[in-house]
Amino acid sequence: MSLIPTESLDEGIQLCLANAERLLNDAQHLNGEERYSSAMLLAAIAIEEAGKGLTLLRAKENNKNLDNGEQKKVFRLHQFKIKQALAGVPHLRLDMKTRMPQHEIEEIARTVTDAVDSAKLEQTYVDWKKGRWHSPTMTDKTLLRGAAANQIGTAEVITDSFKAAIKGEKTSFAVFSGTVVRTIRDGNDDECGETA
């Protein structure tokens, strides 16, 4: 990989936003067709793509070129991208006033990362687990519906926050039971998806 100069970051940021929105729209469409496993997978990838774009945006804001080591994290490490999607944005309790302590934010990041990783694996591949076969098509639809709603809601909030960050707007996340449920933009409360 070659160095990505700061002046090339804008294009990458816009491409990441367009791709995250495309993936999210496809996830929403598949969810409407009750294709929950595929919807969860695309929502998970949308979260990662938004995280990648936010990392590029932060590099641009700090006037930082991306060397090979940084590029490896940004383009190859899935957990890094998910954590970046949640990093640097204040997290609030649902009262919209109380900031969450850092240890709770880190726990949310782990929870979201685990959920995204799990969705990508369990909703994509046939596997042998606990002495029996597992397939995305064999999972209880009621369980999948709720999980898909959570994953898509999180992707909506993160993508909305990414769009706001590109415009230079300040945002916060409201969090309920470890699920990111809203983006608050400049003090305004924007509902961004439902939780199950």
C-alpha atoms as a PDB file:
ATOM      1  CA  MET A   1       0.000   0.000   0.000  1.00  0.00           C
ATOM      2  CA  SER A   2       1.166   3.507  -0.657  1.00  0.00           C
ATOM      3  CA  LEU A   3       0.747   6.532   1.565  1.00  0.00           C
ATOM      4  CA  ILE A   4      -2.680   8.194   1.353  1.00  0.00           C
ATOM      5  CA  PRO A   5      -2.054  11.943   1.301  1.00  0.00           C
ATOM      6  CA  THR A   6      -4.353  14.241   3.244  1.00  0.00           C
ATOM      7  CA  GLU A   7      -5.613  15.916   0.071  1.00  0.00           C
ATOM      8  CA  SER A   8      -7.002  12.556  -1.145  1.00  0.00           C
ATOM      9  CA  LEU A   9      -9.026  11.876   1.998  1.00  0.00           C
ATOM     10  CA  ASP A  10     -12.146  13.857   0.968  1.00  0.00           C
ATOM     11  CA  GLU A  11     -12.845  11.494  -1.901  1.00  0.00           C
ATOM     12  CA  GLY A  12     -12.463   8.452   0.354  1.00  0.00           C
ATOM     13  CA  ILE A  13     -14.742  10.003   2.983  1.00  0.00           C
ATOM     14  CA  GLN A  14     -17.500  10.624   0.417  1.00  0.00           C
ATOM     15  CA  LEU A  15     -17.105   7.124  -1.059  1.00  0.00           C
ATOM     16  CA  CYS A  16     -17.378   5.574   2.410  1.00  0.00           C
ATOM     17  CA  LEU A  17     -20.527   7.587   3.165  1.00  0.00           C
ATOM     18  CA  ALA A  18     -22.143   6.605  -0.143  1.00  0.00           C
ATOM     19  CA  ASN A  19     -21.272   2.950   0.422  1.00  0.00           C
ATOM     20  CA  ALA A  20     -22.489   2.953   4.046  1.00  0.00           C
ATOM     21  CA  GLU A  21     -25.791   4.487   2.919  1.00  0.00           C
ATOM     22  CA  ARG A  22     -26.119   1.941   0.087  1.00  0.00           C
ATOM     23  CA  LEU A  23     -25.485  -0.961   2.448  1.00  0.00           C
ATOM     24  CA  LEU A  24     -27.925   0.464   5.005  1.00  0.00           C
ATOM     25  CA  ASN A  25     -30.639   0.972   2.357  1.00  0.00           C
ATOM     26  CA  ASP A  26     -30.159  -2.614   1.162  1.00  0.00           C
ATOM     27  CA  ALA A  27     -30.338  -3.848   4.771  1.00  0.00           C
ATOM     28  CA  GLN A  28     -33.599  -1.946   5.301  1.00  0.00           C
ATOM     29  CA  HIS A  29     -35.037  -3.384   2.080  1.00  0.00           C
ATOM     30  CA  LEU A  30     -34.083  -6.946   3.014  1.00  0.00           C
ATOM     31  CA  ASN A  31     -35.487  -6.428   6.514  1.00  0.00           C
ATOM     32  CA  GLY A  32     -38.803  -5.380   4.958  1.00  0.00           C
ATOM     33  CA  GLU A  33     -38.758  -8.618   2.956  1.00  0.00           C
ATOM     34  CA  GLU A  34     -38.185 -10.566   6.219  1.00  0.00           C
ATOM     35  CA  ARG A  35     -34.677 -11.558   5.087  1.00  0.00           C
ATOM     36  CA  TYR A  36     -33.331 -10.802   8.552  1.00  0.00           C
ATOM     37  CA  SER A  37     -30.033 -12.697   8.367  1.00  0.00           C
ATOM     38  CA  SER A  38     -28.956 -10.881   5.214  1.00  0.00           C
ATOM     39  CA  ALA A  39     -30.245  -7.565   6.581  1.00  0.00           C
ATOM     40  CA  MET A  40     -28.121  -7.983   9.724  1.00  0.00           C
ATOM     41  CA  LEU A  41     -25.033  -8.767   7.666  1.00  0.00           C
ATOM     42  CA  LEU A  42     -25.409  -5.667   5.496  1.00  0.00           C
ATOM     43  CA  ALA A  43     -26.156  -3.453   8.502  1.00  0.00           C
ATOM     44  CA  ALA A  44     -22.982  -4.772  10.157  1.00  0.00           C
ATOM     45  CA  ILE A  45     -20.932  -3.934   7.094  1.00  0.00           C
ATOM     46  CA  ALA A  46     -22.560  -0.476   6.916  1.00  0.00           C
ATOM     47  CA  ILE A  47     -21.392   0.165  10.505  1.00  0.00           C
ATOM     48  CA  GLU A  48     -17.848  -0.827   9.544  1.00  0.00           C
ATOM     49  CA  GLU A  49     -17.904   1.354   6.424  1.00  0.00           C
ATOM     50  CA  ALA A  50     -19.077   4.350   8.459  1.00  0.00           C
ATOM     51  CA  GLY A  51     -16.287   3.643  10.961  1.00  0.00           C
ATOM     52  CA  LYS A  52     -13.776   3.615   8.125  1.00  0.00           C
ATOM     53  CA  GLY A  53     -15.114   6.922   6.817  1.00  0.00           C
ATOM     54  CA  LEU A  54     -15.041   8.497  10.282  1.00  0.00           C
ATOM     55  CA  THR A  55     -11.418   7.403  10.665  1.00  0.00           C
ATOM     56  CA  LEU A  56     -10.575   9.071   7.347  1.00  0.00           C
ATOM     57  CA  LEU A  57     -12.459  12.206   8.445  1.00  0.00           C
ATOM     58  CA  ARG A  58     -10.498  12.371  11.710  1.00  0.00           C
ATOM     59  CA  ALA A  59      -7.229  11.927   9.800  1.00  0.00           C
ATOM     60  CA  LYS A  60      -8.226  14.834   7.539  1.00  0.00           C
ATOM     61  CA  GLU A  61      -9.180  17.034  10.519  1.00  0.00           C
ATOM     62  CA  ASN A  62      -5.774  16.305  12.079  1.00  0.00           C
ATOM     63  CA  ASN A  63      -4.001  16.873   8.734  1.00  0.00           C
ATOM     64  CA  LYS A  64      -2.608  13.353   8.941  1.00  0.00           C
ATOM     65  CA  ASN A  65      -1.468  11.184   6.032  1.00  0.00           C
ATOM     66  CA  LEU A  66      -2.308   7.496   6.378  1.00  0.00           C
ATOM     67  CA  ASP A  67       0.773   5.284   6.292  1.00  0.00           C
ATOM     68  CA  ASN A  68       0.757   1.519   5.712  1.00  0.00           C
ATOM     69  CA  GLY A  69       0.218   0.682   9.397  1.00  0.00           C
ATOM     70  CA  GLU A  70      -2.789   2.991   9.672  1.00  0.00           C
ATOM     71  CA  GLN A  71      -4.182   1.723   6.376  1.00  0.00           C
ATOM     72  CA  LYS A  72      -4.049  -1.856   7.604  1.00  0.00           C
ATOM     73  CA  LYS A  73      -6.218  -0.919  10.597  1.00  0.00           C
ATOM     74  CA  VAL A  74      -8.611   1.206   8.552  1.00  0.00           C
ATOM     75  CA  PHE A  75      -9.091  -1.239   5.688  1.00  0.00           C
ATOM     76  CA  ARG A  76      -8.561  -4.692   7.221  1.00  0.00           C
ATOM     77  CA  LEU A  77      -9.324  -4.753  10.967  1.00  0.00           C
ATOM     78  CA  HIS A  78     -13.069  -5.074  11.390  1.00  0.00           C
ATOM     79  CA  GLN A  79     -13.171  -4.476  15.136  1.00  0.00           C
ATOM     80  CA  PHE A  80     -11.080  -1.315  14.717  1.00  0.00           C
ATOM     81  CA  LYS A  81     -13.624   0.089  12.233  1.00  0.00           C
ATOM     82  CA  ILE A  82     -16.556  -0.686  14.528  1.00  0.00           C
ATOM     83  CA  LYS A  83     -14.875   0.974  17.505  1.00  0.00           C
ATOM     84  CA  GLN A  84     -14.054   4.007  15.358  1.00  0.00           C
ATOM     85  CA  ALA A  85     -17.724   4.283  14.412  1.00  0.00           C
ATOM     86  CA  LEU A  86     -18.482   4.846  18.098  1.00  0.00           C
ATOM     87  CA  ALA A  87     -15.345   6.750  19.119  1.00  0.00           C
ATOM     88  CA  GLY A  88     -15.096  10.452  19.703  1.00  0.00           C
ATOM     89  CA  VAL A  89     -18.830  11.065  19.977  1.00  0.00           C
ATOM     90  CA  PRO A  90     -20.256  11.866  23.425  1.00  0.00           C
ATOM     91  CA  HIS A  91     -22.674   9.250  24.688  1.00  0.00           C
ATOM     92  CA  LEU A  92     -25.701  10.346  26.706  1.00  0.00           C
ATOM     93  CA  ARG A  93     -28.272   8.531  28.742  1.00  0.00           C
ATOM     94  CA  LEU A  94     -31.834   8.712  27.459  1.00  0.00           C
ATOM     95  CA  ASP A  95     -32.476  11.788  29.602  1.00  0.00           C
ATOM     96  CA  MET A  96     -30.362  13.540  26.905  1.00  0.00           C
ATOM     97  CA  LYS A  97     -28.366  15.362  29.573  1.00  0.00           C
ATOM     98  CA  THR A  98     -26.271  12.898  31.554  1.00  0.00           C
ATOM     99  CA  ARG A  99     -22.960  11.889  29.972  1.00  0.00           C
ATOM    100  CA  MET A 100     -22.020   8.248  30.232  1.00  0.00           C
ATOM    101  CA  PRO A 101     -18.736   7.430  31.986  1.00  0.00           C
ATOM    102  CA  GLN A 102     -15.895   6.183  29.764  1.00  0.00           C
ATOM    103  CA  HIS A 103     -15.991   2.615  31.137  1.00  0.00           C
ATOM    104  CA  GLU A 104     -19.657   2.305  30.080  1.00  0.00           C
ATOM    105  CA  ILE A 105     -18.869   3.680  26.621  1.00  0.00           C
ATOM    106  CA  GLU A 106     -16.099   1.101  26.253  1.00  0.00           C
ATOM    107  CA  GLU A 107     -18.533  -1.634  27.308  1.00  0.00           C
ATOM    108  CA  ILE A 108     -21.015  -0.434  24.670  1.00  0.00           C
ATOM    109  CA  ALA A 109     -18.257  -0.499  22.061  1.00  0.00           C
ATOM    110  CA  ARG A 110     -17.461  -4.110  23.030  1.00  0.00           C
ATOM    111  CA  THR A 111     -21.154  -5.038  22.941  1.00  0.00           C
ATOM    112  CA  VAL A 112     -21.696  -3.472  19.514  1.00  0.00           C
ATOM    113  CA  THR A 113     -18.452  -4.985  18.184  1.00  0.00           C
ATOM    114  CA  ASP A 114     -19.451  -8.438  19.431  1.00  0.00           C
ATOM    115  CA  ALA A 115     -22.957  -8.078  17.963  1.00  0.00           C
ATOM    116  CA  VAL A 116     -21.600  -6.988  14.589  1.00  0.00           C
ATOM    117  CA  ASP A 117     -19.036  -9.795  14.502  1.00  0.00           C
ATOM    118  CA  SER A 118     -21.643 -12.341  15.575  1.00  0.00           C
ATOM    119  CA  ALA A 119     -24.112 -11.136  12.944  1.00  0.00           C
ATOM    120  CA  LYS A 120     -21.501 -11.393  10.234  1.00  0.00           C
ATOM    121  CA  LEU A 121     -20.553 -14.936  11.167  1.00  0.00           C
ATOM    122  CA  GLU A 122     -23.778 -16.493  12.397  1.00  0.00           C
ATOM    123  CA  GLN A 123     -26.015 -14.925   9.777  1.00  0.00           C
ATOM    124  CA  THR A 124     -23.747 -15.783   6.856  1.00  0.00           C
ATOM    125  CA  TYR A 125     -22.298 -19.259   7.236  1.00  0.00           C
ATOM    126  CA  VAL A 126     -23.446 -22.802   7.935  1.00  0.00           C
ATOM    127  CA  ASP A 127     -21.479 -24.065  10.929  1.00  0.00           C
ATOM    128  CA  TRP A 128     -21.207 -26.989  13.344  1.00  0.00           C
ATOM    129  CA  LYS A 129     -21.771 -25.787  16.922  1.00  0.00           C
ATOM    130  CA  LYS A 130     -22.503 -27.579  20.153  1.00  0.00           C
ATOM    131  CA  GLY A 131     -22.934 -30.944  18.481  1.00  0.00           C
ATOM    132  CA  ARG A 132     -25.344 -29.840  15.747  1.00  0.00           C
ATOM    133  CA  TRP A 133     -25.600 -27.877  12.532  1.00  0.00           C
ATOM    134  CA  HIS A 134     -26.345 -24.185  12.556  1.00  0.00           C
ATOM    135  CA  SER A 135     -27.610 -22.277   9.526  1.00  0.00           C
ATOM    136  CA  PRO A 136     -28.803 -18.689   9.131  1.00  0.00           C
ATOM    137  CA  THR A 137     -32.018 -20.091   7.673  1.00  0.00           C
ATOM    138  CA  MET A 138     -32.698 -22.160  10.802  1.00  0.00           C
ATOM    139  CA  THR A 139     -32.703 -19.315  13.335  1.00  0.00           C
ATOM    140  CA  ASP A 140     -36.012 -18.334  14.979  1.00  0.00           C
ATOM    141  CA  LYS A 141     -37.567 -15.509  12.912  1.00  0.00           C
ATOM    142  CA  THR A 142     -38.845 -13.653  15.973  1.00  0.00           C
ATOM    143  CA  LEU A 143     -35.358 -13.586  17.443  1.00  0.00           C
ATOM    144  CA  LEU A 144     -33.882 -12.521  14.104  1.00  0.00           C
ATOM    145  CA  ARG A 145     -36.462  -9.755  13.622  1.00  0.00           C
ATOM    146  CA  GLY A 146     -35.466  -8.105  16.906  1.00  0.00           C
ATOM    147  CA  ALA A 147     -31.743  -8.572  16.294  1.00  0.00           C
ATOM    148  CA  ALA A 148     -32.054  -7.151  12.776  1.00  0.00           C
ATOM    149  CA  ALA A 149     -33.989  -4.140  14.084  1.00  0.00           C
ATOM    150  CA  ASN A 150     -31.235  -3.453  16.641  1.00  0.00           C
ATOM    151  CA  GLN A 151     -28.441  -3.843  14.095  1.00  0.00           C
ATOM    152  CA  ILE A 152     -30.171  -1.650  11.502  1.00  0.00           C
ATOM    153  CA  GLY A 153     -31.059   0.962  14.134  1.00  0.00           C
ATOM    154  CA  THR A 154     -27.433   1.133  15.239  1.00  0.00           C
ATOM    155  CA  ALA A 155     -26.289   1.434  11.613  1.00  0.00           C
ATOM    156  CA  GLU A 156     -28.811   4.257  11.043  1.00  0.00           C
ATOM    157  CA  VAL A 157     -27.583   6.203  14.062  1.00  0.00           C
ATOM    158  CA  ILE A 158     -23.903   5.763  13.177  1.00  0.00           C
ATOM    159  CA  THR A 159     -24.443   6.676   9.521  1.00  0.00           C
ATOM    160  CA  ASP A 160     -26.432   9.749  10.566  1.00  0.00           C
ATOM    161  CA  SER A 161     -23.621  10.765  12.908  1.00  0.00           C
ATOM    162  CA  PHE A 162     -21.088  10.277  10.092  1.00  0.00           C
ATOM    163  CA  LYS A 163     -23.123  12.560   7.777  1.00  0.00           C
ATOM    164  CA  ALA A 164     -23.346  15.186  10.522  1.00  0.00           C
ATOM    165  CA  ALA A 165     -19.600  14.983  11.196  1.00  0.00           C
ATOM    166  CA  ILE A 166     -18.843  15.601   7.510  1.00  0.00           C
ATOM    167  CA  LYS A 167     -20.921  18.796   7.765  1.00  0.00           C
ATOM    168  CA  GLY A 168     -19.009  19.791  10.907  1.00  0.00           C
ATOM    169  CA  GLU A 169     -22.026  19.293  13.174  1.00  0.00           C
ATOM    170  CA  LYS A 170     -21.554  18.026  16.708  1.00  0.00           C
ATOM    171  CA  THR A 171     -23.506  14.917  17.617  1.00  0.00           C
ATOM    172  CA  SER A 172     -24.023  12.682  20.640  1.00  0.00           C
ATOM    173  CA  PHE A 173     -25.405   9.178  20.936  1.00  0.00           C
ATOM    174  CA  ALA A 174     -28.211   8.289  23.302  1.00  0.00           C
ATOM    175  CA  VAL A 175     -27.845   4.754  24.587  1.00  0.00           C
ATOM    176  CA  PHE A 176     -30.386   2.389  26.102  1.00  0.00           C
ATOM    177  CA  SER A 177     -29.453  -1.058  27.443  1.00  0.00           C
ATOM    178  CA  GLY A 178     -26.219  -1.078  25.473  1.00  0.00           C
ATOM    179  CA  THR A 179     -27.936  -0.250  22.175  1.00  0.00           C
ATOM    180  CA  VAL A 180     -27.291   3.020  20.376  1.00  0.00           C
ATOM    181  CA  VAL A 181     -30.800   4.358  19.770  1.00  0.00           C
ATOM    182  CA  ARG A 182     -30.566   8.030  18.829  1.00  0.00           C
ATOM    183  CA  THR A 183     -28.320  10.716  17.489  1.00  0.00           C
ATOM    184  CA  ILE A 184     -28.598  14.112  19.110  1.00  0.00           C
ATOM    185  CA  ARG A 185     -27.409  16.843  16.743  1.00  0.00           C
ATOM    186  CA  ASP A 186     -26.600  20.264  18.172  1.00  0.00           C
ATOM    187  CA  GLY A 187     -29.058  19.707  21.006  1.00  0.00           C
ATOM    188  CA  ASN A 188     -31.851  18.413  18.757  1.00  0.00           C
ATOM    189  CA  ASP A 189     -33.111  14.902  19.319  1.00  0.00           C
ATOM    190  CA  ASP A 190     -33.385  12.882  16.087  1.00  0.00           C
ATOM    191  CA  GLU A 191     -35.070   9.483  16.363  1.00  0.00           C
ATOM    192  CA  CYS A 192     -32.972   7.084  14.327  1.00  0.00           C
ATOM    193  CA  GLY A 193     -34.332   3.568  14.413  1.00  0.00           C
ATOM    194  CA  GLU A 194     -36.132   1.391  16.858  1.00  0.00           C
ATOM    195  CA  THR A 195     -34.833  -1.156  19.262  1.00  0.00           C
ATOM    196  CA  ALA A 196     -36.419  -4.465  19.957  1.00  0.00           C
END
